[in-house]
Amino acid sequence: MSTKVTGTMTYDASCDDVFAMFRDPEYIKEKIKRTGGTNPDIDVADVGSDVLISAIRDLPAQVPGFVKTFTGDQIHVVEKARWSPADDLGARTAVVDLEFQGTPSKISGKLSLHPTETGSAVDASFEVKATVPLIGGKIESVIAGEMERAIRQENRVGVAYLTGGPMP
């Protein structure tokens, strides 16, 4: 069993500007901080024509008690995104994996950055999987809700970062 999570982040900026933000370690640290993460460890590397972004962080386990049995008070998250080169319009995609160390759950998915009439958008599509008999679906539901919240918050942080406005 797995649970799907989708969302769209929109920006009044070009694909090139949005991608430059995505690969900026300062933006990544701010995004982690503003989504509740601590102890960020960021690595951005050009690998052939791709860009590999690794963002490791700790998150407080603000989850129901039955989930906290698996997580403890903190969740150590390893996020890896491998971005493809841009096409002629600046569009690019990323394959994303999030590992929640010490837990029976993971997230995998895709980000698609593409131009719009007013700037650009990122379509996010993820699959949440928890391999726990009987309660895996409940765990997936909790994680999916947190992912949806994180997508919305990352969009707000990105908009503020690009415009120089106050951070949410």
C-alpha atoms as a PDB file:
ATOM      1  CA  MET A   1       0.000   0.000   0.000  1.00  0.00           C
ATOM      2  CA  SER A   2       1.106   3.594  -0.559  1.00  0.00           C
ATOM      3  CA  THR A   3      -0.364   7.084  -0.425  1.00  0.00           C
ATOM      4  CA  LYS A   4      -0.025   9.706  -3.166  1.00  0.00           C
ATOM      5  CA  VAL A   5       0.732  13.358  -2.442  1.00  0.00           C
ATOM      6  CA  THR A   6       0.586  16.064  -5.105  1.00  0.00           C
ATOM      7  CA  GLY A   7       0.912  19.822  -5.088  1.00  0.00           C
ATOM      8  CA  THR A   8       1.962  22.777  -7.189  1.00  0.00           C
ATOM      9  CA  MET A   9       4.270  25.624  -6.224  1.00  0.00           C
ATOM     10  CA  THR A  10       4.038  28.796  -8.327  1.00  0.00           C
ATOM     11  CA  TYR A  11       6.554  31.596  -8.700  1.00  0.00           C
ATOM     12  CA  ASP A  12       6.631  34.964 -10.474  1.00  0.00           C
ATOM     13  CA  ALA A  13      10.129  34.142 -11.695  1.00  0.00           C
ATOM     14  CA  SER A  14      11.712  32.300 -14.597  1.00  0.00           C
ATOM     15  CA  CYS A  15      12.610  28.618 -14.434  1.00  0.00           C
ATOM     16  CA  ASP A  16      16.286  29.614 -14.416  1.00  0.00           C
ATOM     17  CA  ASP A  17      15.787  31.885 -11.395  1.00  0.00           C
ATOM     18  CA  VAL A  18      13.753  29.273  -9.528  1.00  0.00           C
ATOM     19  CA  PHE A  19      16.318  26.563 -10.207  1.00  0.00           C
ATOM     20  CA  ALA A  20      19.141  28.880  -9.118  1.00  0.00           C
ATOM     21  CA  MET A  21      17.220  29.284  -5.848  1.00  0.00           C
ATOM     22  CA  PHE A  22      16.679  25.520  -5.483  1.00  0.00           C
ATOM     23  CA  ARG A  23      20.414  24.866  -5.723  1.00  0.00           C
ATOM     24  CA  ASP A  24      21.447  27.744  -3.426  1.00  0.00           C
ATOM     25  CA  PRO A  25      22.574  26.288  -0.063  1.00  0.00           C
ATOM     26  CA  GLU A  26      21.345  29.412   1.756  1.00  0.00           C
ATOM     27  CA  TYR A  27      17.835  28.936   0.368  1.00  0.00           C
ATOM     28  CA  ILE A  28      17.912  25.231   1.247  1.00  0.00           C
ATOM     29  CA  LYS A  29      18.936  26.042   4.834  1.00  0.00           C
ATOM     30  CA  GLU A  30      16.143  28.634   5.090  1.00  0.00           C
ATOM     31  CA  LYS A  31      13.614  26.165   3.663  1.00  0.00           C
ATOM     32  CA  ILE A  32      14.681  23.538   6.201  1.00  0.00           C
ATOM     33  CA  LYS A  33      14.466  26.030   9.068  1.00  0.00           C
ATOM     34  CA  ARG A  34      11.037  27.317   7.991  1.00  0.00           C
ATOM     35  CA  THR A  35       9.633  23.787   7.713  1.00  0.00           C
ATOM     36  CA  GLY A  36      10.739  22.916  11.248  1.00  0.00           C
ATOM     37  CA  GLY A  37      14.071  21.276  10.479  1.00  0.00           C
ATOM     38  CA  THR A  38      17.309  21.653  12.406  1.00  0.00           C
ATOM     39  CA  ASN A  39      20.946  20.634  11.931  1.00  0.00           C
ATOM     40  CA  PRO A  40      20.997  21.074   8.141  1.00  0.00           C
ATOM     41  CA  ASP A  41      23.744  19.405   6.137  1.00  0.00           C
ATOM     42  CA  ILE A  42      23.598  20.538   2.502  1.00  0.00           C
ATOM     43  CA  ASP A  43      25.530  19.352  -0.523  1.00  0.00           C
ATOM     44  CA  VAL A  44      24.985  20.574  -4.084  1.00  0.00           C
ATOM     45  CA  ALA A  45      27.035  18.896  -6.802  1.00  0.00           C
ATOM     46  CA  ASP A  46      27.145  18.896 -10.577  1.00  0.00           C
ATOM     47  CA  VAL A  47      27.177  15.243 -11.643  1.00  0.00           C
ATOM     48  CA  GLY A  48      27.684  15.105 -15.381  1.00  0.00           C
ATOM     49  CA  SER A  49      24.888  17.240 -16.799  1.00  0.00           C
ATOM     50  CA  ASP A  50      22.657  16.664 -13.734  1.00  0.00           C
ATOM     51  CA  VAL A  51      22.603  18.487 -10.400  1.00  0.00           C
ATOM     52  CA  LEU A  52      22.445  16.387  -7.240  1.00  0.00           C
ATOM     53  CA  ILE A  53      21.123  18.124  -4.126  1.00  0.00           C
ATOM     54  CA  SER A  54      21.395  16.401  -0.763  1.00  0.00           C
ATOM     55  CA  ALA A  55      19.649  17.999   2.203  1.00  0.00           C
ATOM     56  CA  ILE A  56      19.897  16.233   5.547  1.00  0.00           C
ATOM     57  CA  ARG A  57      18.023  17.500   8.590  1.00  0.00           C
ATOM     58  CA  ASP A  58      16.391  16.569  11.865  1.00  0.00           C
ATOM     59  CA  LEU A  59      12.672  17.154  12.306  1.00  0.00           C
ATOM     60  CA  PRO A  60      10.704  17.128  15.542  1.00  0.00           C
ATOM     61  CA  ALA A  61       8.387  14.121  15.576  1.00  0.00           C
ATOM     62  CA  GLN A  62       5.096  15.994  15.922  1.00  0.00           C
ATOM     63  CA  VAL A  63       3.084  12.864  15.240  1.00  0.00           C
ATOM     64  CA  PRO A  64       0.490  10.747  17.043  1.00  0.00           C
ATOM     65  CA  GLY A  65       1.755   8.375  19.724  1.00  0.00           C
ATOM     66  CA  PHE A  66       1.356   5.265  17.584  1.00  0.00           C
ATOM     67  CA  VAL A  67       3.760   6.788  15.026  1.00  0.00           C
ATOM     68  CA  LYS A  68       6.171   8.091  17.675  1.00  0.00           C
ATOM     69  CA  THR A  69       6.808   4.460  18.624  1.00  0.00           C
ATOM     70  CA  PHE A  70       8.760   4.227  15.365  1.00  0.00           C
ATOM     71  CA  THR A  71      10.253   7.723  15.244  1.00  0.00           C
ATOM     72  CA  GLY A  72      11.162   8.760  18.751  1.00  0.00           C
ATOM     73  CA  ASP A  73      11.232  12.514  19.447  1.00  0.00           C
ATOM     74  CA  GLN A  74      13.318  13.397  16.360  1.00  0.00           C
ATOM     75  CA  ILE A  75      13.288  12.134  12.794  1.00  0.00           C
ATOM     76  CA  HIS A  76      16.563  12.180  10.841  1.00  0.00           C
ATOM     77  CA  VAL A  77      15.647  12.898   7.213  1.00  0.00           C
ATOM     78  CA  VAL A  78      17.914  12.368   4.204  1.00  0.00           C
ATOM     79  CA  GLU A  79      16.542  14.069   1.079  1.00  0.00           C
ATOM     80  CA  LYS A  80      18.168  13.569  -2.316  1.00  0.00           C
ATOM     81  CA  ALA A  81      17.055  15.256  -5.523  1.00  0.00           C
ATOM     82  CA  ARG A  82      18.650  14.616  -8.903  1.00  0.00           C
ATOM     83  CA  TRP A  83      17.756  17.410 -11.337  1.00  0.00           C
ATOM     84  CA  SER A  84      17.985  16.914 -15.091  1.00  0.00           C
ATOM     85  CA  PRO A  85      19.445  19.552 -17.409  1.00  0.00           C
ATOM     86  CA  ALA A  86      17.078  22.294 -18.576  1.00  0.00           C
ATOM     87  CA  ASP A  87      15.342  22.016 -21.914  1.00  0.00           C
ATOM     88  CA  ASP A  88      15.050  24.944 -24.365  1.00  0.00           C
ATOM     89  CA  LEU A  89      12.284  26.531 -22.234  1.00  0.00           C
ATOM     90  CA  GLY A  90      14.162  26.139 -18.950  1.00  0.00           C
ATOM     91  CA  ALA A  91      12.003  23.227 -17.799  1.00  0.00           C
ATOM     92  CA  ARG A  92      13.631  20.405 -15.879  1.00  0.00           C
ATOM     93  CA  THR A  93      12.654  17.503 -13.651  1.00  0.00           C
ATOM     94  CA  ALA A  94      13.988  15.966 -10.477  1.00  0.00           C
ATOM     95  CA  VAL A  95      13.722  12.500  -9.043  1.00  0.00           C
ATOM     96  CA  VAL A  96      13.406  12.889  -5.270  1.00  0.00           C
ATOM     97  CA  ASP A  97      13.852  10.386  -2.449  1.00  0.00           C
ATOM     98  CA  LEU A  98      13.336  11.068   1.249  1.00  0.00           C
ATOM     99  CA  GLU A  99      14.514   8.536   3.783  1.00  0.00           C
ATOM    100  CA  PHE A 100      13.365   8.747   7.389  1.00  0.00           C
ATOM    101  CA  GLN A 101      16.221   6.945   9.103  1.00  0.00           C
ATOM    102  CA  GLY A 102      15.221   4.374  11.673  1.00  0.00           C
ATOM    103  CA  THR A 103      11.604   4.283  10.512  1.00  0.00           C
ATOM    104  CA  PRO A 104       9.735   1.894   8.229  1.00  0.00           C
ATOM    105  CA  SER A 105       8.755   4.663   5.822  1.00  0.00           C
ATOM    106  CA  LYS A 106      10.070   6.513   2.801  1.00  0.00           C
ATOM    107  CA  ILE A 107       8.932   8.966   0.163  1.00  0.00           C
ATOM    108  CA  SER A 108       9.829   8.930  -3.499  1.00  0.00           C
ATOM    109  CA  GLY A 109       8.620  11.144  -6.275  1.00  0.00           C
ATOM    110  CA  LYS A 110       9.194  13.743  -8.900  1.00  0.00           C
ATOM    111  CA  LEU A 111       9.366  17.525  -9.219  1.00  0.00           C
ATOM    112  CA  SER A 112       8.651  19.123 -12.599  1.00  0.00           C
ATOM    113  CA  LEU A 113       9.760  22.746 -13.024  1.00  0.00           C
ATOM    114  CA  HIS A 114       8.165  24.404 -16.054  1.00  0.00           C
ATOM    115  CA  PRO A 115       7.389  27.879 -17.400  1.00  0.00           C
ATOM    116  CA  THR A 116       3.951  29.470 -17.049  1.00  0.00           C
ATOM    117  CA  GLU A 117       2.453  32.661 -18.475  1.00  0.00           C
ATOM    118  CA  THR A 118       3.441  34.590 -15.342  1.00  0.00           C
ATOM    119  CA  GLY A 119       6.687  32.869 -14.366  1.00  0.00           C
ATOM    120  CA  SER A 120       7.091  29.223 -13.489  1.00  0.00           C
ATOM    121  CA  ALA A 121       5.586  26.377 -11.508  1.00  0.00           C
ATOM    122  CA  VAL A 122       6.785  23.201  -9.876  1.00  0.00           C
ATOM    123  CA  ASP A 123       4.452  20.217  -9.942  1.00  0.00           C
ATOM    124  CA  ALA A 124       5.206  17.825  -7.095  1.00  0.00           C
ATOM    125  CA  SER A 125       4.111  14.200  -7.122  1.00  0.00           C
ATOM    126  CA  PHE A 126       5.145  11.846  -4.326  1.00  0.00           C
ATOM    127  CA  GLU A 127       4.405   8.352  -3.103  1.00  0.00           C
ATOM    128  CA  VAL A 128       4.524   7.739   0.646  1.00  0.00           C
ATOM    129  CA  LYS A 129       5.191   4.163   1.730  1.00  0.00           C
ATOM    130  CA  ALA A 130       5.173   2.757   5.265  1.00  0.00           C
ATOM    131  CA  THR A 131       5.868  -0.938   5.628  1.00  0.00           C
ATOM    132  CA  VAL A 132       4.162  -1.661   8.929  1.00  0.00           C
ATOM    133  CA  PRO A 133       1.497  -4.360   9.070  1.00  0.00           C
ATOM    134  CA  LEU A 134      -1.974  -3.159  10.082  1.00  0.00           C
ATOM    135  CA  ILE A 135      -1.072   0.505  10.719  1.00  0.00           C
ATOM    136  CA  GLY A 136       1.017   1.321   7.625  1.00  0.00           C
ATOM    137  CA  GLY A 137      -1.902   3.180   6.029  1.00  0.00           C
ATOM    138  CA  LYS A 138      -2.370   5.347   9.129  1.00  0.00           C
ATOM    139  CA  ILE A 139       1.340   6.180   9.191  1.00  0.00           C
ATOM    140  CA  GLU A 140       1.230   7.045   5.480  1.00  0.00           C
ATOM    141  CA  SER A 141      -1.743   9.332   6.109  1.00  0.00           C
ATOM    142  CA  VAL A 142       0.147  11.228   8.831  1.00  0.00           C
ATOM    143  CA  ILE A 143       3.243  11.580   6.624  1.00  0.00           C
ATOM    144  CA  ALA A 144       1.142  12.633   3.605  1.00  0.00           C
ATOM    145  CA  GLY A 145      -0.487  15.407   5.642  1.00  0.00           C
ATOM    146  CA  GLU A 146       2.934  16.668   6.716  1.00  0.00           C
ATOM    147  CA  MET A 147       4.179  16.525   3.103  1.00  0.00           C
ATOM    148  CA  GLU A 148       1.222  18.610   1.896  1.00  0.00           C
ATOM    149  CA  ARG A 149       1.927  21.181   4.621  1.00  0.00           C
ATOM    150  CA  ALA A 150       5.642  21.204   3.722  1.00  0.00           C
ATOM    151  CA  ILE A 151       4.927  21.773   0.009  1.00  0.00           C
ATOM    152  CA  ARG A 152       2.768  24.813   0.835  1.00  0.00           C
ATOM    153  CA  GLN A 153       5.377  26.189   3.260  1.00  0.00           C
ATOM    154  CA  GLU A 154       8.252  25.630   0.814  1.00  0.00           C
ATOM    155  CA  ASN A 155       6.280  27.609  -1.772  1.00  0.00           C
ATOM    156  CA  ARG A 156       5.812  30.514   0.667  1.00  0.00           C
ATOM    157  CA  VAL A 157       9.516  30.446   1.585  1.00  0.00           C
ATOM    158  CA  GLY A 158      10.504  30.359  -2.099  1.00  0.00           C
ATOM    159  CA  VAL A 159       8.276  33.315  -2.977  1.00  0.00           C
ATOM    160  CA  ALA A 160       9.725  35.344  -0.092  1.00  0.00           C
ATOM    161  CA  TYR A 161      13.274  34.357  -1.048  1.00  0.00           C
ATOM    162  CA  LEU A 162      12.807  35.358  -4.693  1.00  0.00           C
ATOM    163  CA  THR A 163      11.122  38.683  -3.880  1.00  0.00           C
ATOM    164  CA  GLY A 164      13.275  39.619  -0.895  1.00  0.00           C
ATOM    165  CA  GLY A 165      10.162  39.746   1.275  1.00  0.00           C
ATOM    166  CA  PRO A 166       9.842  38.661   4.908  1.00  0.00           C
ATOM    167  CA  MET A 167      10.126  34.941   5.553  1.00  0.00           C
ATOM    168  CA  PRO A 168       6.889  33.219   6.582  1.00  0.00           C
END
